[in-house]
C-alpha atoms as a PDB file:
ATOM      1  CA  MET A   1     -38.793  46.029 252.282  1.00  0.00           C
ATOM      2  CA  THR A   2     -36.338  47.613 249.746  1.00  0.00           C
ATOM      3  CA  HIS A   3     -37.080  51.056 247.281  1.00  0.00           C
ATOM      4  CA  TRP A   4     -35.318  52.184 244.443  1.00  0.00           C
ATOM      5  CA  TYR A   5     -34.963  55.525 242.844  1.00  0.00           C
ATOM      6  CA  VAL A   6     -35.355  55.913 239.667  1.00  0.00           C
ATOM      7  CA  ARG A   7     -31.388  56.036 238.368  1.00  0.00           C
ATOM      8  CA  GLU A   8     -30.924  53.376 241.192  1.00  0.00           C
ATOM      9  CA  LEU A   9     -33.392  51.192 239.593  1.00  0.00           C
ATOM     10  CA  SER A  10     -31.787  51.461 236.079  1.00  0.00           C
ATOM     11  CA  LYS A  11     -28.785  50.966 237.178  1.00  0.00           C
ATOM     12  CA  LEU A  12     -30.039  47.218 238.686  1.00  0.00           C
ATOM     13  CA  THR A  13     -31.484  45.966 236.515  1.00  0.00           C
ATOM     14  CA  LYS A  14     -29.740  47.815 232.694  1.00  0.00           C
ATOM     15  CA  VAL A  15     -32.730  49.171 231.842  1.00  0.00           C
ATOM     16  CA  SER A  16     -32.139  53.302 231.114  1.00  0.00           C
ATOM     17  CA  VAL A  17     -34.360  56.081 232.946  1.00  0.00           C
ATOM     18  CA  ARG A  18     -35.577  57.036 229.600  1.00  0.00           C
ATOM     19  CA  THR A  19     -37.236  53.722 228.886  1.00  0.00           C
ATOM     20  CA  LEU A  20     -38.415  53.171 232.451  1.00  0.00           C
ATOM     21  CA  HIS A  21     -40.149  56.496 232.265  1.00  0.00           C
ATOM     22  CA  HIS A  22     -41.541  55.218 229.232  1.00  0.00           C
ATOM     23  CA  TYR A  23     -42.940  52.688 230.776  1.00  0.00           C
ATOM     24  CA  ASP A  24     -44.346  54.594 233.372  1.00  0.00           C
ATOM     25  CA  ARG A  25     -46.283  57.357 230.916  1.00  0.00           C
ATOM     26  CA  ILE A  26     -48.303  54.432 229.316  1.00  0.00           C
ATOM     27  CA  GLY A  27     -49.354  52.452 232.403  1.00  0.00           C
ATOM     28  CA  LEU A  28     -46.858  49.534 231.617  1.00  0.00           C
ATOM     29  CA  LEU A  29     -44.824  50.131 235.043  1.00  0.00           C
ATOM     30  CA  LYS A  30     -45.796  52.820 237.327  1.00  0.00           C
ATOM     31  CA  PRO A  31     -44.120  53.406 240.690  1.00  0.00           C
ATOM     32  CA  SER A  32     -45.994  52.328 243.486  1.00  0.00           C
ATOM     33  CA  ILE A  33     -44.430  55.408 245.407  1.00  0.00           C
ATOM     34  CA  ARG A  34     -44.967  59.093 244.047  1.00  0.00           C
ATOM     35  CA  LEU A  35     -42.741  61.618 246.385  1.00  0.00           C
ATOM     36  CA  GLY A  36     -43.841  65.841 246.706  1.00  0.00           C
ATOM     37  CA  ASN A  37     -40.642  66.390 243.926  1.00  0.00           C
ATOM     38  CA  ASN A  38     -42.440  64.026 241.465  1.00  0.00           C
ATOM     39  CA  TYR A  39     -39.740  61.360 242.212  1.00  0.00           C
ATOM     40  CA  ARG A  40     -40.643  58.683 241.597  1.00  0.00           C
ATOM     41  CA  VAL A  41     -39.503  55.066 243.873  1.00  0.00           C
ATOM     42  CA  TYR A  42     -39.967  51.614 243.103  1.00  0.00           C
ATOM     43  CA  SER A  43     -40.475  48.598 245.570  1.00  0.00           C
ATOM     44  CA  GLU A  44     -39.723  44.984 245.548  1.00  0.00           C
ATOM     45  CA  LYS A  45     -42.817  44.633 243.803  1.00  0.00           C
ATOM     46  CA  ASP A  46     -42.384  47.065 241.039  1.00  0.00           C
ATOM     47  CA  LEU A  47     -38.922  45.170 240.331  1.00  0.00           C
ATOM     48  CA  LEU A  48     -40.593  41.935 240.049  1.00  0.00           C
ATOM     49  CA  LYS A  49     -43.225  42.995 237.405  1.00  0.00           C
ATOM     50  CA  LEU A  50     -39.743  44.844 235.947  1.00  0.00           C
ATOM     51  CA  GLN A  51     -38.620  41.627 235.364  1.00  0.00           C
ATOM     52  CA  GLN A  52     -42.031  39.983 233.865  1.00  0.00           C
ATOM     53  CA  ILE A  53     -42.132  42.416 231.482  1.00  0.00           C
ATOM     54  CA  LEU A  54     -38.285  42.307 230.803  1.00  0.00           C
ATOM     55  CA  ALA A  55     -39.242  38.554 230.002  1.00  0.00           C
ATOM     56  CA  LEU A  56     -41.922  38.534 228.048  1.00  0.00           C
ATOM     57  CA  LYS A  57     -40.332  41.183 225.820  1.00  0.00           C
ATOM     58  CA  PHE A  58     -37.117  39.337 225.052  1.00  0.00           C
ATOM     59  CA  PHE A  59     -39.861  36.543 223.899  1.00  0.00           C
ATOM     60  CA  GLY A  60     -40.616  39.277 221.040  1.00  0.00           C
ATOM     61  CA  PHE A  61     -44.505  40.362 223.051  1.00  0.00           C
ATOM     62  CA  GLU A  62     -45.002  43.954 222.016  1.00  0.00           C
ATOM     63  CA  LEU A  63     -46.025  46.534 224.711  1.00  0.00           C
ATOM     64  CA  SER A  64     -49.249  46.733 223.940  1.00  0.00           C
ATOM     65  CA  ARG A  65     -49.619  43.239 224.676  1.00  0.00           C
ATOM     66  CA  ILE A  66     -47.540  42.764 227.504  1.00  0.00           C
ATOM     67  CA  LYS A  67     -49.597  44.881 229.379  1.00  0.00           C
ATOM     68  CA  ALA A  68     -52.932  43.588 228.485  1.00  0.00           C
ATOM     69  CA  LEU A  69     -51.230  40.416 229.639  1.00  0.00           C
ATOM     70  CA  MET A  70     -50.124  41.727 233.238  1.00  0.00           C
ATOM     71  CA  LEU A  71     -53.326  43.509 233.029  1.00  0.00           C
ATOM     72  CA  GLU A  72     -56.104  40.954 232.110  1.00  0.00           C
ATOM     73  CA  GLU A  73     -57.193  37.368 234.244  1.00  0.00           C
ATOM     74  CA  ILE A  74     -55.783  35.211 231.713  1.00  0.00           C
ATOM     75  CA  ASN A  75     -53.955  32.030 230.858  1.00  0.00           C
ATOM     76  CA  ILE A  76     -50.695  32.844 230.305  1.00  0.00           C
ATOM     77  CA  PHE A  77     -48.759  29.810 229.082  1.00  0.00           C
ATOM     78  CA  ASP A  78     -51.826  30.228 225.650  1.00  0.00           C
ATOM     79  CA  HIS A  79     -49.742  33.257 224.858  1.00  0.00           C
ATOM     80  CA  PHE A  80     -46.323  31.598 225.266  1.00  0.00           C
ATOM     81  CA  ARG A  81     -47.294  29.124 222.828  1.00  0.00           C
ATOM     82  CA  ALA A  82     -48.395  31.359 220.408  1.00  0.00           C
ATOM     83  CA  GLN A  83     -45.292  33.455 220.646  1.00  0.00           C
ATOM     84  CA  GLN A  84     -43.391  29.629 220.831  1.00  0.00           C
ATOM     85  CA  GLN A  85     -44.887  28.982 217.557  1.00  0.00           C
ATOM     86  CA  PHE A  86     -43.889  32.259 216.223  1.00  0.00           C
ATOM     87  CA  LEU A  87     -40.403  31.880 217.122  1.00  0.00           C
ATOM     88  CA  GLU A  88     -40.115  29.087 215.659  1.00  0.00           C
ATOM     89  CA  GLN A  89     -40.878  29.884 212.730  1.00  0.00           C
ATOM     90  CA  GLN A  90     -38.344  32.427 212.657  1.00  0.00           C
ATOM     91  CA  VAL A  91     -35.573  29.200 213.539  1.00  0.00           C
ATOM     92  CA  LYS A  92     -36.774  27.881 210.255  1.00  0.00           C
ATOM     93  CA  SER A  93     -36.004  31.129 208.271  1.00  0.00           C
ATOM     94  CA  LEU A  94     -32.532  31.395 209.734  1.00  0.00           C
ATOM     95  CA  LYS A  95     -31.997  27.587 209.019  1.00  0.00           C
ATOM     96  CA  ALA A  96     -33.321  27.854 205.937  1.00  0.00           C
ATOM     97  CA  ALA A  97     -31.024  31.026 204.895  1.00  0.00           C
ATOM     98  CA  SER A  98     -27.859  29.115 206.595  1.00  0.00           C
ATOM     99  CA  GLN A  99     -28.627  25.800 204.646  1.00  0.00           C
ATOM    100  CA  THR A 100     -29.201  28.003 201.428  1.00  0.00           C
ATOM    101  CA  LEU A 101     -25.928  30.025 201.861  1.00  0.00           C
ATOM    102  CA  GLU A 102     -24.187  27.259 202.778  1.00  0.00           C
ATOM    103  CA  ALA A 103     -24.991  25.069 200.252  1.00  0.00           C
ATOM    104  CA  ILE A 104     -23.845  28.109 197.678  1.00  0.00           C
ATOM    105  CA  LEU A 105     -20.480  27.739 199.662  1.00  0.00           C
ATOM    106  CA  CYS A 106     -20.498  23.958 198.844  1.00  0.00           C
ATOM    107  CA  GLU A 107     -21.109  24.006 194.577  1.00  0.00           C
ATOM    108  CA  LYS A 108     -18.730  27.588 194.580  1.00  0.00           C
ATOM    109  CA  SER A 109     -15.866  28.073 191.471  1.00  0.00           C
ATOM    110  CA  SER A 110     -14.056  30.760 190.005  1.00  0.00           C
ATOM    111  CA  SER A 111     -16.005  30.607 186.910  1.00  0.00           C
ATOM    112  CA  LYS A 112     -19.646  30.481 188.522  1.00  0.00           C
ATOM    113  CA  SER A 113     -21.308  33.667 189.150  1.00  0.00           C
ATOM    114  CA  VAL A 114     -23.022  34.516 192.826  1.00  0.00           C
ATOM    115  CA  PRO A 115     -26.909  33.235 192.198  1.00  0.00           C
ATOM    116  CA  TRP A 116     -28.177  36.642 193.474  1.00  0.00           C
ATOM    117  CA  GLU A 117     -31.587  35.997 192.473  1.00  0.00           C
ATOM    118  CA  THR A 118     -32.190  32.827 195.223  1.00  0.00           C
ATOM    119  CA  ILE A 119     -29.944  34.985 197.994  1.00  0.00           C
ATOM    120  CA  LEU A 120     -33.053  38.250 197.207  1.00  0.00           C
ATOM    121  CA  LYS A 121     -35.553  35.778 197.631  1.00  0.00           C
ATOM    122  CA  LEU A 122     -33.757  34.552 200.412  1.00  0.00           C
ATOM    123  CA  ILE A 123     -33.751  37.863 202.123  1.00  0.00           C
ATOM    124  CA  GLU A 124     -37.520  38.908 201.328  1.00  0.00           C
ATOM    125  CA  ASP A 125     -38.879  35.545 202.752  1.00  0.00           C
ATOM    126  CA  TYR A 126     -36.805  36.594 205.923  1.00  0.00           C
ATOM    127  CA  GLN A 127     -37.547  39.828 206.206  1.00  0.00           C
ATOM    128  CA  MET A 128     -41.521  38.911 205.800  1.00  0.00           C
ATOM    129  CA  THR A 129     -41.621  36.591 208.684  1.00  0.00           C
ATOM    130  CA  GLN A 130     -39.678  38.878 210.882  1.00  0.00           C
ATOM    131  CA  GLU A 131     -42.391  41.914 209.915  1.00  0.00           C
ATOM    132  CA  LEU A 132     -44.938  39.733 210.733  1.00  0.00           C
ATOM    133  CA  LYS A 133     -47.399  42.091 212.714  1.00  0.00           C
ATOM    134  CA  HIS A 134     -49.117  39.757 214.488  1.00  0.00           C
ATOM    135  CA  PRO A 135     -47.064  37.200 215.522  1.00  0.00           C
ATOM    136  CA  TRP A 136     -49.815  35.423 217.995  1.00  0.00           C
ATOM    137  CA  LEU A 137     -51.370  34.310 214.633  1.00  0.00           C
ATOM    138  CA  ALA A 138     -49.086  31.471 214.983  1.00  0.00           C
ATOM    139  CA  ASN A 139     -51.650  29.513 217.512  1.00  0.00           C
ATOM    140  CA  VAL A 140     -54.325  30.171 214.250  1.00  0.00           C
ATOM    141  CA  LEU A 141     -52.102  29.335 210.631  1.00  0.00           C
ATOM    142  CA  ASN A 142     -48.953  27.094 209.921  1.00  0.00           C
ATOM    143  CA  SER A 143     -45.758  28.027 208.482  1.00  0.00           C
ATOM    144  CA  ASP A 144     -46.947  27.988 204.871  1.00  0.00           C
ATOM    145  CA  GLU A 145     -49.869  29.972 206.262  1.00  0.00           C
ATOM    146  CA  LEU A 146     -48.348  31.988 207.715  1.00  0.00           C
ATOM    147  CA  LYS A 147     -45.804  33.099 205.227  1.00  0.00           C
ATOM    148  CA  GLU A 148     -48.579  33.637 202.610  1.00  0.00           C
ATOM    149  CA  TYR A 149     -50.123  35.766 205.725  1.00  0.00           C
ATOM    150  CA  ALA A 150     -46.660  38.038 205.729  1.00  0.00           C
ATOM    151  CA  GLN A 151     -47.185  38.186 201.326  1.00  0.00           C
ATOM    152  CA  ALA A 152     -50.685  39.071 202.103  1.00  0.00           C
ATOM    153  CA  GLU A 153     -49.297  42.579 204.624  1.00  0.00           C
ATOM    154  CA  GLN A 154     -46.663  43.278 202.247  1.00  0.00           C
ATOM    155  CA  SER A 155     -49.403  43.461 199.396  1.00  0.00           C
ATOM    156  CA  PHE A 156     -51.711  45.942 201.387  1.00  0.00           C
ATOM    157  CA  LYS A 157     -48.852  48.240 201.727  1.00  0.00           C
ATOM    158  CA  THR A 158     -49.116  48.294 197.528  1.00  0.00           C
ATOM    159  CA  ARG A 159     -52.633  47.736 197.187  1.00  0.00           C
ATOM    160  CA  PHE A 160     -53.625  50.376 199.153  1.00  0.00           C
ATOM    161  CA  THR A 161     -53.004  54.014 199.669  1.00  0.00           C
ATOM    162  CA  GLU A 162     -52.678  54.656 204.085  1.00  0.00           C
ATOM    163  CA  ASN A 163     -56.477  56.932 203.693  1.00  0.00           C
ATOM    164  CA  GLN A 164     -58.307  53.417 201.988  1.00  0.00           C
ATOM    165  CA  GLN A 165     -57.042  51.140 204.883  1.00  0.00           C
ATOM    166  CA  LYS A 166     -58.076  53.247 206.989  1.00  0.00           C
ATOM    167  CA  ASN A 167     -61.494  53.850 205.455  1.00  0.00           C
ATOM    168  CA  PHE A 168     -61.636  49.950 205.330  1.00  0.00           C
ATOM    169  CA  GLU A 169     -60.801  50.129 209.544  1.00  0.00           C
ATOM    170  CA  HIS A 170     -63.717  52.602 209.703  1.00  0.00           C
ATOM    171  CA  GLU A 171     -66.584  50.397 207.422  1.00  0.00           C
ATOM    172  CA  TRP A 172     -65.129  47.473 209.176  1.00  0.00           C
ATOM    173  CA  THR A 173     -65.551  48.754 213.247  1.00  0.00           C
ATOM    174  CA  ASP A 174     -68.893  50.400 211.580  1.00  0.00           C
ATOM    175  CA  LEU A 175     -69.596  46.499 210.444  1.00  0.00           C
ATOM    176  CA  ILE A 176     -69.244  44.979 213.775  1.00  0.00           C
ATOM    177  CA  ALA A 177     -71.639  47.769 215.667  1.00  0.00           C
ATOM    178  CA  GLN A 178     -74.363  47.121 213.311  1.00  0.00           C
ATOM    179  CA  VAL A 179     -74.074  43.218 213.934  1.00  0.00           C
ATOM    180  CA  GLU A 180     -74.261  44.250 217.931  1.00  0.00           C
ATOM    181  CA  THR A 181     -77.324  46.981 217.415  1.00  0.00           C
ATOM    182  CA  ASN A 182     -78.930  43.569 215.950  1.00  0.00           C
ATOM    183  CA  LEU A 183     -78.253  40.147 217.938  1.00  0.00           C
ATOM    184  CA  ASP A 184     -81.903  40.191 219.178  1.00  0.00           C
ATOM    185  CA  LYS A 185     -83.215  39.440 215.292  1.00  0.00           C
ATOM    186  CA  ASP A 186     -82.423  36.202 213.139  1.00  0.00           C
ATOM    187  CA  PRO A 187     -79.250  36.192 210.863  1.00  0.00           C
ATOM    188  CA  ALA A 188     -81.179  35.032 208.054  1.00  0.00           C
ATOM    189  CA  SER A 189     -83.516  37.588 207.463  1.00  0.00           C
ATOM    190  CA  ASP A 190     -83.477  39.987 204.998  1.00  0.00           C
ATOM    191  CA  SER A 191     -81.700  42.429 207.297  1.00  0.00           C
ATOM    192  CA  GLY A 192     -79.769  39.860 208.393  1.00  0.00           C
ATOM    193  CA  THR A 193     -78.412  38.316 205.232  1.00  0.00           C
ATOM    194  CA  HIS A 194     -77.649  42.065 203.886  1.00  0.00           C
ATOM    195  CA  ILE A 195     -75.292  42.336 206.720  1.00  0.00           C
ATOM    196  CA  GLY A 196     -73.643  39.512 205.693  1.00  0.00           C
ATOM    197  CA  LYS A 197     -73.686  40.524 202.013  1.00  0.00           C
ATOM    198  CA  LYS A 198     -71.726  43.835 203.093  1.00  0.00           C
ATOM    199  CA  CYS A 199     -69.142  42.063 204.761  1.00  0.00           C
ATOM    200  CA  MET A 200     -68.005  40.048 202.174  1.00  0.00           C
ATOM    201  CA  ASP A 201     -67.728  42.357 199.921  1.00  0.00           C
ATOM    202  CA  LEU A 202     -66.104  44.148 202.312  1.00  0.00           C
ATOM    203  CA  VAL A 203     -63.369  41.450 203.192  1.00  0.00           C
ATOM    204  CA  ASN A 204     -63.855  40.160 199.981  1.00  0.00           C
ATOM    205  CA  ASN A 205     -62.289  43.927 198.395  1.00  0.00           C
ATOM    206  CA  PHE A 206     -59.530  43.262 200.668  1.00  0.00           C
ATOM    207  CA  TRP A 207     -57.881  40.411 200.635  1.00  0.00           C
ATOM    208  CA  GLY A 208     -58.695  39.211 196.969  1.00  0.00           C
ATOM    209  CA  LYS A 209     -59.378  35.807 195.709  1.00  0.00           C
ATOM    210  CA  GLN A 210     -55.832  34.738 195.451  1.00  0.00           C
ATOM    211  CA  HIS A 211     -55.912  35.037 199.655  1.00  0.00           C
ATOM    212  CA  ALA A 212     -59.816  34.131 200.340  1.00  0.00           C
ATOM    213  CA  ALA A 213     -58.290  29.896 201.074  1.00  0.00           C
ATOM    214  CA  LEU A 214     -56.409  32.372 204.140  1.00  0.00           C
ATOM    215  CA  ARG A 215     -58.643  34.919 204.384  1.00  0.00           C
ATOM    216  CA  SER A 216     -61.624  31.297 205.547  1.00  0.00           C
ATOM    217  CA  THR A 217     -59.155  29.769 207.392  1.00  0.00           C
ATOM    218  CA  ILE A 218     -58.033  33.410 209.788  1.00  0.00           C
ATOM    219  CA  TRP A 219     -62.148  33.278 210.238  1.00  0.00           C
ATOM    220  CA  GLU A 220     -62.339  29.970 211.027  1.00  0.00           C
ATOM    221  CA  LYS A 221     -59.629  28.250 212.675  1.00  0.00           C
ATOM    222  CA  GLY A 222     -58.865  32.240 214.559  1.00  0.00           C
ATOM    223  CA  TYR A 223     -62.477  34.480 215.115  1.00  0.00           C
ATOM    224  CA  LYS A 224     -64.414  31.225 215.414  1.00  0.00           C
ATOM    225  CA  GLU A 225     -62.287  29.897 217.460  1.00  0.00           C
ATOM    226  CA  GLY A 226     -61.718  32.926 219.799  1.00  0.00           C
ATOM    227  CA  LYS A 227     -57.826  33.369 219.292  1.00  0.00           C
ATOM    228  CA  MET A 228     -58.149  36.424 217.345  1.00  0.00           C
ATOM    229  CA  GLU A 229     -56.601  39.426 219.317  1.00  0.00           C
ATOM    230  CA  VAL A 230     -57.749  42.435 217.194  1.00  0.00           C
ATOM    231  CA  GLU A 231     -59.502  45.608 217.886  1.00  0.00           C
ATOM    232  CA  PRO A 232     -62.029  46.036 217.919  1.00  0.00           C
ATOM    233  CA  PRO A 233     -62.422  42.942 220.107  1.00  0.00           C
ATOM    234  CA  LEU A 234     -65.389  40.711 218.773  1.00  0.00           C
ATOM    235  CA  SER A 235     -67.483  38.780 221.217  1.00  0.00           C
ATOM    236  CA  PRO A 236     -68.462  35.263 220.765  1.00  0.00           C
ATOM    237  CA  GLU A 237     -71.891  35.864 220.080  1.00  0.00           C
ATOM    238  CA  VAL A 238     -71.083  38.979 217.473  1.00  0.00           C
ATOM    239  CA  VAL A 239     -69.125  35.903 215.294  1.00  0.00           C
ATOM    240  CA  ASN A 240     -70.838  33.501 215.771  1.00  0.00           C
ATOM    241  CA  TRP A 241     -74.159  36.270 214.766  1.00  0.00           C
ATOM    242  CA  LEU A 242     -72.081  37.452 211.673  1.00  0.00           C
ATOM    243  CA  ASP A 243     -71.232  33.836 210.919  1.00  0.00           C
ATOM    244  CA  SER A 244     -74.210  33.084 210.807  1.00  0.00           C
ATOM    245  CA  ALA A 245     -76.003  36.088 208.726  1.00  0.00           C
ATOM    246  CA  ILE A 246     -72.756  34.876 206.251  1.00  0.00           C
ATOM    247  CA  SER A 247     -74.094  31.721 205.686  1.00  0.00           C
ATOM    248  CA  ALA A 248     -77.337  32.851 205.288  1.00  0.00           C
ATOM    249  CA  TYR A 249     -76.100  34.803 202.496  1.00  0.00           C
ATOM    250  CA  TYR A 250     -74.500  32.518 200.798  1.00  0.00           C
ATOM    251  CA  ARG A 251     -77.076  30.165 201.027  1.00  0.00           C
ATOM    252  CA  LYS A 252     -79.911  32.134 199.521  1.00  0.00           C
ATOM    253  CA  ARG A 253     -77.243  32.932 196.608  1.00  0.00           C
ATOM    254  CA  ILE A 254     -76.553  29.618 195.723  1.00  0.00           C
ATOM    255  CA  TYR A 255     -80.226  29.109 195.750  1.00  0.00           C
ATOM    256  CA  ASN A 256     -81.307  31.552 193.715  1.00  0.00           C
ATOM    257  CA  THR A 257     -78.627  30.992 191.386  1.00  0.00           C
ATOM    258  CA  LEU A 258     -79.007  27.033 191.264  1.00  0.00           C
ATOM    259  CA  ALA A 259     -83.036  27.832 190.553  1.00  0.00           C
ATOM    260  CA  LYS A 260     -82.534  29.860 187.153  1.00  0.00           C
ATOM    261  CA  VAL A 261     -80.788  26.393 185.532  1.00  0.00           C
ATOM    262  CA  GLU A 262     -84.568  25.826 184.536  1.00  0.00           C
ATOM    263  CA  THR A 263     -84.460  29.250 183.095  1.00  0.00           C
ATOM    264  CA  GLN A 264     -82.199  31.008 181.658  1.00  0.00           C
ATOM    265  CA  PRO A 265     -79.021  29.672 179.525  1.00  0.00           C
ATOM    266  CA  SER A 266     -76.846  27.821 180.487  1.00  0.00           C
ATOM    267  CA  GLU A 267     -73.823  30.121 179.734  1.00  0.00           C
ATOM    268  CA  THR A 268     -75.771  32.768 182.075  1.00  0.00           C
ATOM    269  CA  VAL A 269     -75.508  30.568 185.159  1.00  0.00           C
ATOM    270  CA  LEU A 270     -72.154  29.271 184.597  1.00  0.00           C
ATOM    271  CA  SER A 271     -70.814  32.530 184.614  1.00  0.00           C
ATOM    272  CA  GLN A 272     -73.218  33.781 187.642  1.00  0.00           C
ATOM    273  CA  TRP A 273     -72.483  30.019 189.164  1.00  0.00           C
ATOM    274  CA  ASN A 274     -68.283  30.802 188.707  1.00  0.00           C
ATOM    275  CA  GLU A 275     -68.718  34.549 190.611  1.00  0.00           C
ATOM    276  CA  LEU A 276     -70.490  33.214 193.364  1.00  0.00           C
ATOM    277  CA  LEU A 277     -67.503  30.191 193.676  1.00  0.00           C
ATOM    278  CA  GLU A 278     -64.575  33.229 193.207  1.00  0.00           C
ATOM    279  CA  ASP A 279     -67.282  34.745 195.934  1.00  0.00           C
ATOM    280  CA  MET A 280     -66.966  32.117 198.690  1.00  0.00           C
ATOM    281  CA  HIS A 281     -63.493  30.263 197.832  1.00  0.00           C
ATOM    282  CA  GLY A 282     -61.395  32.151 195.300  1.00  0.00           C
ATOM    283  CA  ASP A 283     -59.033  29.800 194.117  1.00  0.00           C
ATOM    284  CA  ASP A 284     -59.985  27.222 196.851  1.00  0.00           C
ATOM    285  CA  GLN A 285     -60.479  23.933 194.107  1.00  0.00           C
ATOM    286  CA  ALA A 286     -60.680  22.403 197.619  1.00  0.00           C
ATOM    287  CA  ARG A 287     -63.782  24.294 198.873  1.00  0.00           C
ATOM    288  CA  ASN A 288     -65.308  24.494 196.000  1.00  0.00           C
ATOM    289  CA  ASP A 289     -65.816  20.549 195.567  1.00  0.00           C
ATOM    290  CA  SER A 290     -66.971  20.327 198.729  1.00  0.00           C
ATOM    291  CA  LEU A 291     -69.262  23.112 197.827  1.00  0.00           C
ATOM    292  CA  TYR A 292     -70.504  20.155 195.380  1.00  0.00           C
ATOM    293  CA  GLU A 293     -70.759  17.517 197.320  1.00  0.00           C
ATOM    294  CA  ALA A 294     -73.112  19.331 199.987  1.00  0.00           C
ATOM    295  CA  ALA A 295     -75.404  20.194 196.737  1.00  0.00           C
ATOM    296  CA  MET A 296     -75.933  17.266 194.756  1.00  0.00           C
ATOM    297  CA  LYS A 297     -77.140  16.192 198.651  1.00  0.00           C
ATOM    298  CA  ASP A 298     -79.426  19.382 199.094  1.00  0.00           C
ATOM    299  CA  ASP A 299     -82.874  18.089 198.526  1.00  0.00           C
ATOM    300  CA  GLN A 300     -83.529  21.685 198.139  1.00  0.00           C
ATOM    301  CA  VAL A 301     -81.202  21.869 195.114  1.00  0.00           C
ATOM    302  CA  SER A 302     -83.586  20.278 192.010  1.00  0.00           C
ATOM    303  CA  LYS A 303     -83.186  17.264 189.872  1.00  0.00           C
ATOM    304  CA  ALA A 304     -82.153  19.367 186.665  1.00  0.00           C
ATOM    305  CA  ALA A 305     -79.993  21.565 189.270  1.00  0.00           C
ATOM    306  CA  LYS A 306     -77.779  18.206 190.368  1.00  0.00           C
ATOM    307  CA  THR A 307     -77.778  17.584 186.441  1.00  0.00           C
ATOM    308  CA  TRP A 308     -76.562  20.772 185.889  1.00  0.00           C
ATOM    309  CA  LEU A 309     -73.623  20.346 188.304  1.00  0.00           C
ATOM    310  CA  LYS A 310     -73.033  17.420 186.853  1.00  0.00           C
ATOM    311  CA  GLN A 311     -72.480  18.368 183.216  1.00  0.00           C
ATOM    312  CA  ILE A 312     -69.899  21.614 184.136  1.00  0.00           C
ATOM    313  CA  ARG A 313     -68.082  19.364 186.585  1.00  0.00           C
ATOM    314  CA  LYS A 314     -67.158  16.776 183.946  1.00  0.00           C
ATOM    315  CA  SER A 315     -66.501  20.269 181.354  1.00  0.00           C
END
């Protein structure tokens, strides 16, 4: 069997010695043999592994993800599919840039100024796609949703300080820990709906109503279908319990709000109802319409409340 010292492997593969040392340090590619003088000696098996690393890196996978892919017993084709969709989105961005520049060149004249505003918008859209932190989201979101997610990521940098983002991460981690300790309890109980409320207060504060539809899509198509690669990872049990707790919290809030139709002024109930819809769906009218349809078929909603819903929908 053939073996190579680190400098020999570097020359063979065109991977710098410094990079190979880094791969060793982070546990991505450790040499099969370590001599007494601390020299690294790589085997044919190590070379094959390095070739796999280089291939995955070429397709845009981050080193942390490559390490996980090579350690875990997973279906790597699912990850290839997600990465392919992400790369396809980048191709579309480049094609759009090319078409815009072509149109500008076709319309050029000595008397016409350069449309810098159009060019700057093009650069902004392309950079947002390039800087997307989580390419595996391409397996969850369509092209328009990916662009919105990139915009949301950019807005987080201006809306929140680094400490605020860290606080959110800590609160989210604490919340998941609470769910894990309550998995044996009914998510529709008072303690369950309290956790559901706490979750949505935290999430809504972070995403804002302008991205409520996107947030819902990520939860439904990403978390609930097990496609999210997040830290800390969420087990299906945690996701299902939290989803039930959130649903129970909103269901309880819906019934409580509609029960006030016969006891409080319509303006008061309307204010609370609109606040509820905004918390649940932001500006997503389609989801609001679905909630209306469900309420009209719900036997627990009184006739007076259904009449009131019809009236506010017409207005």
